Structures are given as structure tokens and as C-alpha cells.
């Protein structure tokens, strides 16, 4: 379990600026395989042996998202799932996005 995955997501109420520059880089370096896209969102693809495994993974991610109160965009199909995370309230990244990414990797 990483330091990030041991934290809890905190609901964003808005009114805070999205993370930029060194703040993003520092948190990104604590993740494996996640891409920061335009300092706006995180994205990662996962591969599975079949549809059933992909669906089970997506279901576990959905349960985690509900538990954390932070919901990623999920696209999946036969043998694959793609997760995209950002904080909609501020249209950018917060620490909670990186926390959720780390927790997803722990699944």
C-alpha cells in the first residue's frame, strides 16, 4: 500500500485552484503507469484476459468510488478498462484524484 492509497479522498467544494507544475509532478511520481494529461486529468488503461475479468475490475472500482465519494470515468470492453480521473468541481486535478488512482491500483 502506498502513502497515497492510505489516505482518504476529500470532497471538493470548489473555490480552490487545480494543482499545477511541481505539485502535479510530485504526486504523479508516486503512481505507476498513470498519465497526467494536460495537467487536467489522470488516465490509465488496464488489460484483462476476458470480458468477465474486466467487468469484475470495473465493479470493484465502482464500489471503491462510492466508498470514497469520488467517481472516475470508466470505459471498458472485452479484456480492457480505461480509467480517467479529475475533479469536475474545479475542472482539474486535486490530491484526491491521485489518492483514488493509487487506491484503484491496490485493487
PDB file of N, CA and C in Angstrom:
ATOM      1  N   UNK A   1       0.854  -1.182   0.000  1.00  0.00           N
ATOM      2  CA  UNK A   1       0.000   0.000   0.000  1.00  0.00           C
ATOM      3  C   UNK A   1       0.897   1.241   0.000  1.00  0.00           C
ATOM      4  N   UNK A   2       0.630   2.159  -0.910  1.00  0.00           N
ATOM      5  CA  UNK A   2       1.419   3.389  -0.995  1.00  0.00           C
ATOM      6  C   UNK A   2       0.914   4.415   0.013  1.00  0.00           C
ATOM      7  N   UNK A   3       1.726   5.435   0.212  1.00  0.00           N
ATOM      8  CA  UNK A   3       1.310   6.519   1.105  1.00  0.00           C
ATOM      9  C   UNK A   3       0.004   7.143   0.607  1.00  0.00           C
ATOM     10  N   UNK A   4      -0.087   7.346  -0.704  1.00  0.00           N
ATOM     11  CA  UNK A   4      -1.314   7.932  -1.258  1.00  0.00           C
ATOM     12  C   UNK A   4      -2.522   7.042  -1.011  1.00  0.00           C
ATOM     13  N   UNK A   5      -2.377   5.752  -1.226  1.00  0.00           N
ATOM     14  CA  UNK A   5      -3.542   4.869  -1.104  1.00  0.00           C
ATOM     15  C   UNK A   5      -3.996   4.700   0.335  1.00  0.00           C
ATOM     16  N   UNK A   6      -3.177   5.098   1.287  1.00  0.00           N
ATOM     17  CA  UNK A   6      -3.592   5.010   2.694  1.00  0.00           C
ATOM     18  C   UNK A   6      -4.425   6.221   3.120  1.00  0.00           C
ATOM     19  N   UNK A   7      -4.494   7.235   2.255  1.00  0.00           N
ATOM     20  CA  UNK A   7      -5.287   8.440   2.555  1.00  0.00           C
ATOM     21  C   UNK A   7      -6.723   8.255   2.069  1.00  0.00           C
ATOM     22  N   UNK A   8      -7.587   9.176   2.475  1.00  0.00           N
ATOM     23  CA  UNK A   8      -8.979   9.169   2.042  1.00  0.00           C
ATOM     24  C   UNK A   8      -9.224  10.358   1.103  1.00  0.00           C
ATOM     25  N   UNK A   9     -10.082  10.166   0.127  1.00  0.00           N
ATOM     26  CA  UNK A   9     -10.468  11.261  -0.754  1.00  0.00           C
ATOM     27  C   UNK A   9     -11.289  12.273   0.046  1.00  0.00           C
ATOM     28  N   UNK A  10     -11.063  13.545  -0.254  1.00  0.00           N
ATOM     29  CA  UNK A  10     -11.777  14.627   0.415  1.00  0.00           C
ATOM     30  C   UNK A  10     -12.654  15.319  -0.622  1.00  0.00           C
ATOM     31  N   UNK A  11     -13.958  15.428  -0.365  1.00  0.00           N
ATOM     32  CA  UNK A  11     -14.839  16.084  -1.325  1.00  0.00           C
ATOM     33  C   UNK A  11     -14.400  17.525  -1.588  1.00  0.00           C
ATOM     34  N   UNK A  12     -14.380  17.891  -2.847  1.00  0.00           N
ATOM     35  CA  UNK A  12     -14.013  19.255  -3.232  1.00  0.00           C
ATOM     36  C   UNK A  12     -15.270  20.119  -3.262  1.00  0.00           C
ATOM     37  N   UNK A  13     -15.225  21.224  -2.580  1.00  0.00           N
ATOM     38  CA  UNK A  13     -16.371  22.143  -2.544  1.00  0.00           C
ATOM     39  C   UNK A  13     -16.231  23.258  -3.575  1.00  0.00           C
ATOM     40  N   UNK A  14     -15.120  23.229  -4.313  1.00  0.00           N
ATOM     41  CA  UNK A  14     -14.862  24.280  -5.294  1.00  0.00           C
ATOM     42  C   UNK A  14     -14.108  25.426  -4.646  1.00  0.00           C
ATOM     43  N   UNK A  15     -13.802  26.433  -5.429  1.00  0.00           N
ATOM     44  CA  UNK A  15     -13.135  27.611  -4.905  1.00  0.00           C
ATOM     45  C   UNK A  15     -11.646  27.428  -4.653  1.00  0.00           C
ATOM     46  N   UNK A  16     -11.083  26.294  -5.053  1.00  0.00           N
ATOM     47  CA  UNK A  16      -9.642  26.084  -4.932  1.00  0.00           C
ATOM     48  C   UNK A  16      -9.073  25.890  -6.336  1.00  0.00           C
ATOM     49  N   UNK A  17      -7.856  26.355  -6.552  1.00  0.00           N
ATOM     50  CA  UNK A  17      -7.282  26.167  -7.892  1.00  0.00           C
ATOM     51  C   UNK A  17      -6.831  24.725  -8.097  1.00  0.00           C
ATOM     52  N   UNK A  18      -6.878  24.238  -9.333  1.00  0.00           N
ATOM     53  CA  UNK A  18      -6.365  22.900  -9.607  1.00  0.00           C
ATOM     54  C   UNK A  18      -4.845  22.872  -9.404  1.00  0.00           C
ATOM     55  N   UNK A  19      -4.336  21.693  -9.117  1.00  0.00           N
ATOM     56  CA  UNK A  19      -2.888  21.521  -8.950  1.00  0.00           C
ATOM     57  C   UNK A  19      -2.184  21.763 -10.277  1.00  0.00           C
ATOM     58  N   UNK A  20      -0.966  22.303 -10.182  1.00  0.00           N
ATOM     59  CA  UNK A  20      -0.162  22.587 -11.377  1.00  0.00           C
ATOM     60  C   UNK A  20       1.302  22.301 -11.099  1.00  0.00           C
ATOM     61  N   UNK A  21       2.062  22.182 -12.148  1.00  0.00           N
ATOM     62  CA  UNK A  21       3.512  22.130 -12.085  1.00  0.00           C
ATOM     63  C   UNK A  21       4.090  21.100 -11.147  1.00  0.00           C
ATOM     64  N   UNK A  22       4.937  21.570 -10.219  1.00  0.00           N
ATOM     65  CA  UNK A  22       5.642  20.675  -9.304  1.00  0.00           C
ATOM     66  C   UNK A  22       4.702  19.883  -8.413  1.00  0.00           C
ATOM     67  N   UNK A  23       3.564  20.462  -8.045  1.00  0.00           N
ATOM     68  CA  UNK A  23       2.602  19.734  -7.214  1.00  0.00           C
ATOM     69  C   UNK A  23       2.118  18.482  -7.944  1.00  0.00           C
ATOM     70  N   UNK A  24       1.821  18.634  -9.234  1.00  0.00           N
ATOM     71  CA  UNK A  24       1.355  17.509 -10.052  1.00  0.00           C
ATOM     72  C   UNK A  24       2.472  16.484 -10.215  1.00  0.00           C
ATOM     73  N   UNK A  25       3.663  16.946 -10.537  1.00  0.00           N
ATOM     74  CA  UNK A  25       4.803  16.049 -10.748  1.00  0.00           C
ATOM     75  C   UNK A  25       5.107  15.229  -9.495  1.00  0.00           C
ATOM     76  N   UNK A  26       5.089  15.869  -8.347  1.00  0.00           N
ATOM     77  CA  UNK A  26       5.370  15.174  -7.082  1.00  0.00           C
ATOM     78  C   UNK A  26       4.369  14.038  -6.849  1.00  0.00           C
ATOM     79  N   UNK A  27       3.097  14.304  -7.079  1.00  0.00           N
ATOM     80  CA  UNK A  27       2.072  13.275  -6.873  1.00  0.00           C
ATOM     81  C   UNK A  27       2.114  12.212  -7.970  1.00  0.00           C
ATOM     82  N   UNK A  28       2.364  12.630  -9.203  1.00  0.00           N
ATOM     83  CA  UNK A  28       2.447  11.674 -10.317  1.00  0.00           C
ATOM     84  C   UNK A  28       3.573  10.670 -10.076  1.00  0.00           C
ATOM     85  N   UNK A  29       4.667  11.119  -9.508  1.00  0.00           N
ATOM     86  CA  UNK A  29       5.807  10.243  -9.249  1.00  0.00           C
ATOM     87  C   UNK A  29       5.504   9.169  -8.208  1.00  0.00           C
ATOM     88  N   UNK A  30       4.401   9.313  -7.496  1.00  0.00           N
ATOM     89  CA  UNK A  30       4.000   8.320  -6.506  1.00  0.00           C
ATOM     90  C   UNK A  30       3.077   7.253  -7.101  1.00  0.00           C
ATOM     91  N   UNK A  31       2.737   7.402  -8.382  1.00  0.00           N
ATOM     92  CA  UNK A  31       1.858   6.458  -9.071  1.00  0.00           C
ATOM     93  C   UNK A  31       2.653   5.654 -10.090  1.00  0.00           C
ATOM     94  N   UNK A  32       2.112   4.525 -10.485  1.00  0.00           N
ATOM     95  CA  UNK A  32       2.744   3.694 -11.508  1.00  0.00           C
ATOM     96  C   UNK A  32       1.800   3.543 -12.694  1.00  0.00           C
ATOM     97  N   UNK A  33       2.265   3.981 -13.859  1.00  0.00           N
ATOM     98  CA  UNK A  33       1.505   3.752 -15.085  1.00  0.00           C
ATOM     99  C   UNK A  33       0.410   4.757 -15.392  1.00  0.00           C
ATOM    100  N   UNK A  34       0.168   5.689 -14.509  1.00  0.00           N
ATOM    101  CA  UNK A  34      -0.846   6.716 -14.761  1.00  0.00           C
ATOM    102  C   UNK A  34      -0.223   7.842 -15.562  1.00  0.00           C
ATOM    103  N   UNK A  35      -0.988   8.366 -16.538  1.00  0.00           N
ATOM    104  CA  UNK A  35      -0.537   9.522 -17.315  1.00  0.00           C
ATOM    105  C   UNK A  35      -1.291  10.750 -16.838  1.00  0.00           C
ATOM    106  N   UNK A  36      -0.561  11.837 -16.649  1.00  0.00           N
ATOM    107  CA  UNK A  36      -1.198  13.124 -16.404  1.00  0.00           C
ATOM    108  C   UNK A  36      -1.371  13.767 -17.774  1.00  0.00           C
ATOM    109  N   UNK A  37      -2.593  14.080 -18.131  1.00  0.00           N
ATOM    110  CA  UNK A  37      -2.890  14.635 -19.444  1.00  0.00           C
ATOM    111  C   UNK A  37      -3.215  16.118 -19.297  1.00  0.00           C
ATOM    112  N   UNK A  38      -2.355  16.950 -19.865  1.00  0.00           N
ATOM    113  CA  UNK A  38      -2.538  18.411 -19.874  1.00  0.00           C
ATOM    114  C   UNK A  38      -2.745  19.013 -18.492  1.00  0.00           C
ATOM    115  N   UNK A  39      -2.147  18.402 -17.478  1.00  0.00           N
ATOM    116  CA  UNK A  39      -2.339  18.835 -16.084  1.00  0.00           C
ATOM    117  C   UNK A  39      -3.821  18.972 -15.743  1.00  0.00           C
ATOM    118  N   UNK A  40      -4.659  18.207 -16.427  1.00  0.00           N
ATOM    119  CA  UNK A  40      -6.107  18.284 -16.238  1.00  0.00           C
ATOM    120  C   UNK A  40      -6.701  17.003 -15.675  1.00  0.00           C
ATOM    121  N   UNK A  41      -6.217  15.846 -16.154  1.00  0.00           N
ATOM    122  CA  UNK A  41      -6.777  14.586 -15.687  1.00  0.00           C
ATOM    123  C   UNK A  41      -5.731  13.473 -15.701  1.00  0.00           C
ATOM    124  N   UNK A  42      -6.062  12.411 -14.985  1.00  0.00           N
ATOM    125  CA  UNK A  42      -5.233  11.213 -14.929  1.00  0.00           C
ATOM    126  C   UNK A  42      -5.888  10.145 -15.782  1.00  0.00           C
ATOM    127  N   UNK A  43      -5.074   9.315 -16.417  1.00  0.00           N
ATOM    128  CA  UNK A  43      -5.631   8.270 -17.258  1.00  0.00           C
ATOM    129  C   UNK A  43      -4.732   7.036 -17.203  1.00  0.00           C
ATOM    130  N   UNK A  44      -5.380   5.873 -17.155  1.00  0.00           N
ATOM    131  CA  UNK A  44      -4.645   4.611 -17.174  1.00  0.00           C
ATOM    132  C   UNK A  44      -5.509   3.534 -17.810  1.00  0.00           C
ATOM    133  N   UNK A  45      -4.860   2.663 -18.577  1.00  0.00           N
ATOM    134  CA  UNK A  45      -5.531   1.518 -19.189  1.00  0.00           C
ATOM    135  C   UNK A  45      -5.076   0.238 -18.503  1.00  0.00           C
ATOM    136  N   UNK A  46      -6.000  -0.686 -18.347  1.00  0.00           N
ATOM    137  CA  UNK A  46      -5.739  -1.984 -17.744  1.00  0.00           C
ATOM    138  C   UNK A  46      -6.144  -3.057 -18.744  1.00  0.00           C
ATOM    139  N   UNK A  47      -5.417  -4.169 -18.740  1.00  0.00           N
ATOM    140  CA  UNK A  47      -5.727  -5.300 -19.629  1.00  0.00           C
ATOM    141  C   UNK A  47      -6.114  -6.519 -18.797  1.00  0.00           C
ATOM    142  N   UNK A  48      -7.045  -7.298 -19.349  1.00  0.00           N
ATOM    143  CA  UNK A  48      -7.556  -8.496 -18.686  1.00  0.00           C
ATOM    144  C   UNK A  48      -7.665  -9.619 -19.700  1.00  0.00           C
ATOM    145  N   UNK A  49      -7.827 -10.851 -19.213  1.00  0.00           N
ATOM    146  CA  UNK A  49      -7.869 -11.983 -20.138  1.00  0.00           C
ATOM    147  C   UNK A  49      -9.207 -12.101 -20.866  1.00  0.00           C
ATOM    148  N   UNK A  50     -10.269 -11.492 -20.308  1.00  0.00           N
ATOM    149  CA  UNK A  50     -11.569 -11.593 -20.970  1.00  0.00           C
ATOM    150  C   UNK A  50     -12.525 -10.512 -20.441  1.00  0.00           C
ATOM    151  N   UNK A  51     -13.725 -10.531 -20.939  1.00  0.00           N
ATOM    152  CA  UNK A  51     -14.731  -9.538 -20.551  1.00  0.00           C
ATOM    153  C   UNK A  51     -15.080  -9.657 -19.075  1.00  0.00           C
ATOM    154  N   UNK A  52     -15.223 -10.878 -18.597  1.00  0.00           N
ATOM    155  CA  UNK A  52     -15.634 -11.108 -17.211  1.00  0.00           C
ATOM    156  C   UNK A  52     -14.646 -10.475 -16.223  1.00  0.00           C
ATOM    157  N   UNK A  53     -13.342 -10.649 -16.474  1.00  0.00           N
ATOM    158  CA  UNK A  53     -12.337 -10.047 -15.590  1.00  0.00           C
ATOM    159  C   UNK A  53     -12.397  -8.524 -15.638  1.00  0.00           C
ATOM    160  N   UNK A  54     -12.577  -7.972 -16.826  1.00  0.00           N
ATOM    161  CA  UNK A  54     -12.687  -6.508 -16.959  1.00  0.00           C
ATOM    162  C   UNK A  54     -13.917  -6.007 -16.206  1.00  0.00           C
ATOM    163  N   UNK A  55     -15.022  -6.701 -16.356  1.00  0.00           N
ATOM    164  CA  UNK A  55     -16.255  -6.308 -15.689  1.00  0.00           C
ATOM    165  C   UNK A  55     -16.111  -6.392 -14.168  1.00  0.00           C
ATOM    166  N   UNK A  56     -15.468  -7.422 -13.671  1.00  0.00           N
ATOM    167  CA  UNK A  56     -15.264  -7.569 -12.225  1.00  0.00           C
ATOM    168  C   UNK A  56     -14.390  -6.431 -11.689  1.00  0.00           C
ATOM    169  N   UNK A  57     -13.353  -6.082 -12.422  1.00  0.00           N
ATOM    170  CA  UNK A  57     -12.487  -4.968 -12.031  1.00  0.00           C
ATOM    171  C   UNK A  57     -13.285  -3.663 -11.979  1.00  0.00           C
ATOM    172  N   UNK A  58     -14.055  -3.411 -13.023  1.00  0.00           N
ATOM    173  CA  UNK A  58     -14.863  -2.184 -13.083  1.00  0.00           C
ATOM    174  C   UNK A  58     -15.852  -2.142 -11.911  1.00  0.00           C
ATOM    175  N   UNK A  59     -16.422  -3.274 -11.565  1.00  0.00           N
ATOM    176  CA  UNK A  59     -17.347  -3.333 -10.434  1.00  0.00           C
ATOM    177  C   UNK A  59     -16.635  -2.975  -9.128  1.00  0.00           C
ATOM    178  N   UNK A  60     -15.416  -3.493  -8.946  1.00  0.00           N
ATOM    179  CA  UNK A  60     -14.652  -3.165  -7.732  1.00  0.00           C
ATOM    180  C   UNK A  60     -14.277  -1.685  -7.705  1.00  0.00           C
ATOM    181  N   UNK A  61     -13.918  -1.135  -8.861  1.00  0.00           N
ATOM    182  CA  UNK A  61     -13.608   0.297  -8.936  1.00  0.00           C
ATOM    183  C   UNK A  61     -14.854   1.108  -8.588  1.00  0.00           C
ATOM    184  N   UNK A  62     -16.011   0.683  -9.067  1.00  0.00           N
ATOM    185  CA  UNK A  62     -17.261   1.376  -8.749  1.00  0.00           C
ATOM    186  C   UNK A  62     -17.555   1.371  -7.259  1.00  0.00           C
ATOM    187  N   UNK A  63     -17.339   0.248  -6.602  1.00  0.00           N
ATOM    188  CA  UNK A  63     -17.537   0.168  -5.157  1.00  0.00           C
ATOM    189  C   UNK A  63     -16.585   1.083  -4.413  1.00  0.00           C
ATOM    190  N   UNK A  64     -15.327   1.108  -4.833  1.00  0.00           N
ATOM    191  CA  UNK A  64     -14.336   1.996  -4.232  1.00  0.00           C
ATOM    192  C   UNK A  64     -14.736   3.454  -4.433  1.00  0.00           C
ATOM    193  N   UNK A  65     -15.185   3.786  -5.631  1.00  0.00           N
ATOM    194  CA  UNK A  65     -15.592   5.163  -5.939  1.00  0.00           C
ATOM    195  C   UNK A  65     -16.737   5.604  -5.024  1.00  0.00           C
ATOM    196  N   UNK A  66     -17.701   4.742  -4.820  1.00  0.00           N
ATOM    197  CA  UNK A  66     -18.813   5.065  -3.919  1.00  0.00           C
ATOM    198  C   UNK A  66     -18.318   5.260  -2.488  1.00  0.00           C
ATOM    199  N   UNK A  67     -17.433   4.369  -2.061  1.00  0.00           N
ATOM    200  CA  UNK A  67     -16.879   4.448  -0.711  1.00  0.00           C
ATOM    201  C   UNK A  67     -16.116   5.761  -0.498  1.00  0.00           C
ATOM    202  N   UNK A  68     -15.381   6.193  -1.503  1.00  0.00           N
ATOM    203  CA  UNK A  68     -14.561   7.392  -1.407  1.00  0.00           C
ATOM    204  C   UNK A  68     -15.323   8.670  -1.778  1.00  0.00           C
ATOM    205  N   UNK A  69     -16.503   8.527  -2.361  1.00  0.00           N
ATOM    206  CA  UNK A  69     -17.258   9.700  -2.791  1.00  0.00           C
ATOM    207  C   UNK A  69     -16.553  10.469  -3.899  1.00  0.00           C
ATOM    208  N   UNK A  70     -15.798   9.733  -4.723  1.00  0.00           N
ATOM    209  CA  UNK A  70     -15.036  10.347  -5.813  1.00  0.00           C
ATOM    210  C   UNK A  70     -15.131   9.405  -7.000  1.00  0.00           C
ATOM    211  N   UNK A  71     -15.708   9.864  -8.103  1.00  0.00           N
ATOM    212  CA  UNK A  71     -16.127   8.965  -9.166  1.00  0.00           C
ATOM    213  C   UNK A  71     -15.379   9.202 -10.473  1.00  0.00           C
ATOM    214  N   UNK A  72     -14.628   8.195 -10.937  1.00  0.00           N
ATOM    215  CA  UNK A  72     -13.901   8.315 -12.198  1.00  0.00           C
ATOM    216  C   UNK A  72     -14.812   8.034 -13.389  1.00  0.00           C
ATOM    217  N   UNK A  73     -14.327   8.407 -14.559  1.00  0.00           N
ATOM    218  CA  UNK A  73     -14.960   7.964 -15.791  1.00  0.00           C
ATOM    219  C   UNK A  73     -14.354   6.607 -16.118  1.00  0.00           C
ATOM    220  N   UNK A  74     -15.199   5.655 -16.488  1.00  0.00           N
ATOM    221  CA  UNK A  74     -14.735   4.303 -16.774  1.00  0.00           C
ATOM    222  C   UNK A  74     -15.270   3.879 -18.137  1.00  0.00           C
ATOM    223  N   UNK A  75     -14.361   3.386 -18.970  1.00  0.00           N
ATOM    224  CA  UNK A  75     -14.742   2.828 -20.263  1.00  0.00           C
ATOM    225  C   UNK A  75     -14.153   1.420 -20.309  1.00  0.00           C
ATOM    226  N   UNK A  76     -14.985   0.429 -20.590  1.00  0.00           N
ATOM    227  CA  UNK A  76     -14.445  -0.932 -20.627  1.00  0.00           C
ATOM    228  C   UNK A  76     -15.132  -1.769 -21.684  1.00  0.00           C
ATOM    229  N   UNK A  77     -14.452  -2.835 -22.049  1.00  0.00           N
ATOM    230  CA  UNK A  77     -14.958  -3.791 -23.018  1.00  0.00           C
ATOM    231  C   UNK A  77     -14.201  -5.090 -22.846  1.00  0.00           C
ATOM    232  N   UNK A  78     -14.230  -5.934 -23.855  1.00  0.00           N
ATOM    233  CA  UNK A  78     -13.608  -7.243 -23.762  1.00  0.00           C
ATOM    234  C   UNK A  78     -12.111  -7.091 -23.498  1.00  0.00           C
ATOM    235  N   UNK A  79     -11.685  -7.524 -22.306  1.00  0.00           N
ATOM    236  CA  UNK A  79     -10.273  -7.565 -21.966  1.00  0.00           C
ATOM    237  C   UNK A  79      -9.600  -6.238 -21.673  1.00  0.00           C
ATOM    238  N   UNK A  80     -10.375  -5.185 -21.453  1.00  0.00           N
ATOM    239  CA  UNK A  80      -9.750  -3.887 -21.206  1.00  0.00           C
ATOM    240  C   UNK A  80     -10.639  -2.975 -20.366  1.00  0.00           C
ATOM    241  N   UNK A  81      -9.998  -2.061 -19.684  1.00  0.00           N
ATOM    242  CA  UNK A  81     -10.709  -0.996 -18.962  1.00  0.00           C
ATOM    243  C   UNK A  81      -9.811   0.229 -18.962  1.00  0.00           C
ATOM    244  N   UNK A  82     -10.422   1.384 -19.147  1.00  0.00           N
ATOM    245  CA  UNK A  82      -9.683   2.643 -19.100  1.00  0.00           C
ATOM    246  C   UNK A  82     -10.335   3.535 -18.051  1.00  0.00           C
ATOM    247  N   UNK A  83      -9.519   4.053 -17.157  1.00  0.00           N
ATOM    248  CA  UNK A  83      -9.996   4.908 -16.076  1.00  0.00           C
ATOM    249  C   UNK A  83      -9.476   6.322 -16.309  1.00  0.00           C
ATOM    250  N   UNK A  84     -10.350   7.299 -16.180  1.00  0.00           N
ATOM    251  CA  UNK A  84      -9.982   8.704 -16.280  1.00  0.00           C
ATOM    252  C   UNK A  84     -10.508   9.412 -15.034  1.00  0.00           C
ATOM    253  N   UNK A  85      -9.620  10.174 -14.392  1.00  0.00           N
ATOM    254  CA  UNK A  85      -9.973  10.826 -13.129  1.00  0.00           C
ATOM    255  C   UNK A  85      -9.612  12.296 -13.178  1.00  0.00           C
ATOM    256  N   UNK A  86     -10.557  13.134 -12.730  1.00  0.00           N
ATOM    257  CA  UNK A  86     -10.283  14.542 -12.442  1.00  0.00           C
ATOM    258  C   UNK A  86     -11.391  15.050 -11.554  1.00  0.00           C
ATOM    259  N   UNK A  87     -11.176  16.189 -10.949  1.00  0.00           N
ATOM    260  CA  UNK A  87     -12.189  16.768 -10.068  1.00  0.00           C
ATOM    261  C   UNK A  87     -13.047  17.715 -10.889  1.00  0.00           C
ATOM    262  N   UNK A  88     -14.275  17.293 -11.151  1.00  0.00           N
ATOM    263  CA  UNK A  88     -15.174  18.054 -12.010  1.00  0.00           C
ATOM    264  C   UNK A  88     -15.482  19.444 -11.444  1.00  0.00           C
ATOM    265  N   UNK A  89     -15.587  19.543 -10.139  1.00  0.00           N
ATOM    266  CA  UNK A  89     -15.979  20.795  -9.485  1.00  0.00           C
ATOM    267  C   UNK A  89     -15.026  21.946  -9.833  1.00  0.00           C
ATOM    268  N   UNK A  90     -13.726  21.616 -10.017  1.00  0.00           N
ATOM    269  CA  UNK A  90     -12.753  22.666 -10.351  1.00  0.00           C
ATOM    270  C   UNK A  90     -12.165  22.463 -11.748  1.00  0.00           C
ATOM    271  N   UNK A  91     -12.648  21.458 -12.464  1.00  0.00           N
ATOM    272  CA  UNK A  91     -12.197  21.143 -13.817  1.00  0.00           C
ATOM    273  C   UNK A  91     -10.677  20.988 -13.884  1.00  0.00           C
ATOM    274  N   UNK A  92     -10.160  20.188 -12.953  1.00  0.00           N
ATOM    275  CA  UNK A  92      -8.725  19.941 -12.912  1.00  0.00           C
ATOM    276  C   UNK A  92      -8.394  18.927 -11.838  1.00  0.00           C
ATOM    277  N   UNK A  93      -7.125  18.871 -11.475  1.00  0.00           N
ATOM    278  CA  UNK A  93      -6.642  17.858 -10.541  1.00  0.00           C
ATOM    279  C   UNK A  93      -6.523  18.356  -9.106  1.00  0.00           C
ATOM    280  N   UNK A  94      -6.877  17.480  -8.166  1.00  0.00           N
ATOM    281  CA  UNK A  94      -6.662  17.696  -6.737  1.00  0.00           C
ATOM    282  C   UNK A  94      -5.906  16.480  -6.206  1.00  0.00           C
ATOM    283  N   UNK A  95      -5.444  16.556  -4.977  1.00  0.00           N
ATOM    284  CA  UNK A  95      -4.764  15.415  -4.375  1.00  0.00           C
ATOM    285  C   UNK A  95      -5.684  14.196  -4.355  1.00  0.00           C
ATOM    286  N   UNK A  96      -6.972  14.391  -4.170  1.00  0.00           N
ATOM    287  CA  UNK A  96      -7.911  13.269  -4.126  1.00  0.00           C
ATOM    288  C   UNK A  96      -7.900  12.448  -5.416  1.00  0.00           C
ATOM    289  N   UNK A  97      -7.635  13.079  -6.538  1.00  0.00           N
ATOM    290  CA  UNK A  97      -7.553  12.339  -7.797  1.00  0.00           C
ATOM    291  C   UNK A  97      -6.398  11.343  -7.761  1.00  0.00           C
ATOM    292  N   UNK A  98      -5.280  11.765  -7.224  1.00  0.00           N
ATOM    293  CA  UNK A  98      -4.109  10.896  -7.118  1.00  0.00           C
ATOM    294  C   UNK A  98      -4.339   9.812  -6.059  1.00  0.00           C
ATOM    295  N   UNK A  99      -5.040  10.158  -4.997  1.00  0.00           N
ATOM    296  CA  UNK A  99      -5.374   9.172  -3.965  1.00  0.00           C
ATOM    297  C   UNK A  99      -6.247   8.077  -4.564  1.00  0.00           C
ATOM    298  N   UNK A 100      -7.278   8.471  -5.317  1.00  0.00           N
ATOM    299  CA  UNK A 100      -8.158   7.482  -5.939  1.00  0.00           C
ATOM    300  C   UNK A 100      -7.378   6.608  -6.911  1.00  0.00           C
ATOM    301  N   UNK A 101      -6.495   7.198  -7.701  1.00  0.00           N
ATOM    302  CA  UNK A 101      -5.689   6.420  -8.644  1.00  0.00           C
ATOM    303  C   UNK A 101      -4.864   5.366  -7.898  1.00  0.00           C
ATOM    304  N   UNK A 102      -4.239   5.748  -6.806  1.00  0.00           N
ATOM    305  CA  UNK A 102      -3.436   4.799  -6.024  1.00  0.00           C
ATOM    306  C   UNK A 102      -4.307   3.695  -5.436  1.00  0.00           C
ATOM    307  N   UNK A 103      -5.494   4.050  -4.982  1.00  0.00           N
ATOM    308  CA  UNK A 103      -6.404   3.047  -4.412  1.00  0.00           C
ATOM    309  C   UNK A 103      -6.876   2.074  -5.495  1.00  0.00           C
ATOM    310  N   UNK A 104      -7.120   2.578  -6.695  1.00  0.00           N
ATOM    311  CA  UNK A 104      -7.522   1.705  -7.809  1.00  0.00           C
ATOM    312  C   UNK A 104      -6.406   0.713  -8.106  1.00  0.00           C
ATOM    313  N   UNK A 105      -5.171   1.181  -8.097  1.00  0.00           N
ATOM    314  CA  UNK A 105      -4.047   0.264  -8.351  1.00  0.00           C
ATOM    315  C   UNK A 105      -3.947  -0.810  -7.275  1.00  0.00           C
ATOM    316  N   UNK A 106      -4.384  -0.521  -6.057  1.00  0.00           N
ATOM    317  CA  UNK A 106      -4.358  -1.527  -4.993  1.00  0.00           C
ATOM    318  C   UNK A 106      -5.394  -2.626  -5.194  1.00  0.00           C
ATOM    319  N   UNK A 107      -6.394  -2.372  -6.037  1.00  0.00           N
ATOM    320  CA  UNK A 107      -7.392  -3.400  -6.344  1.00  0.00           C
ATOM    321  C   UNK A 107      -6.680  -4.491  -7.104  1.00  0.00           C
TER     322      UNK A 107
END
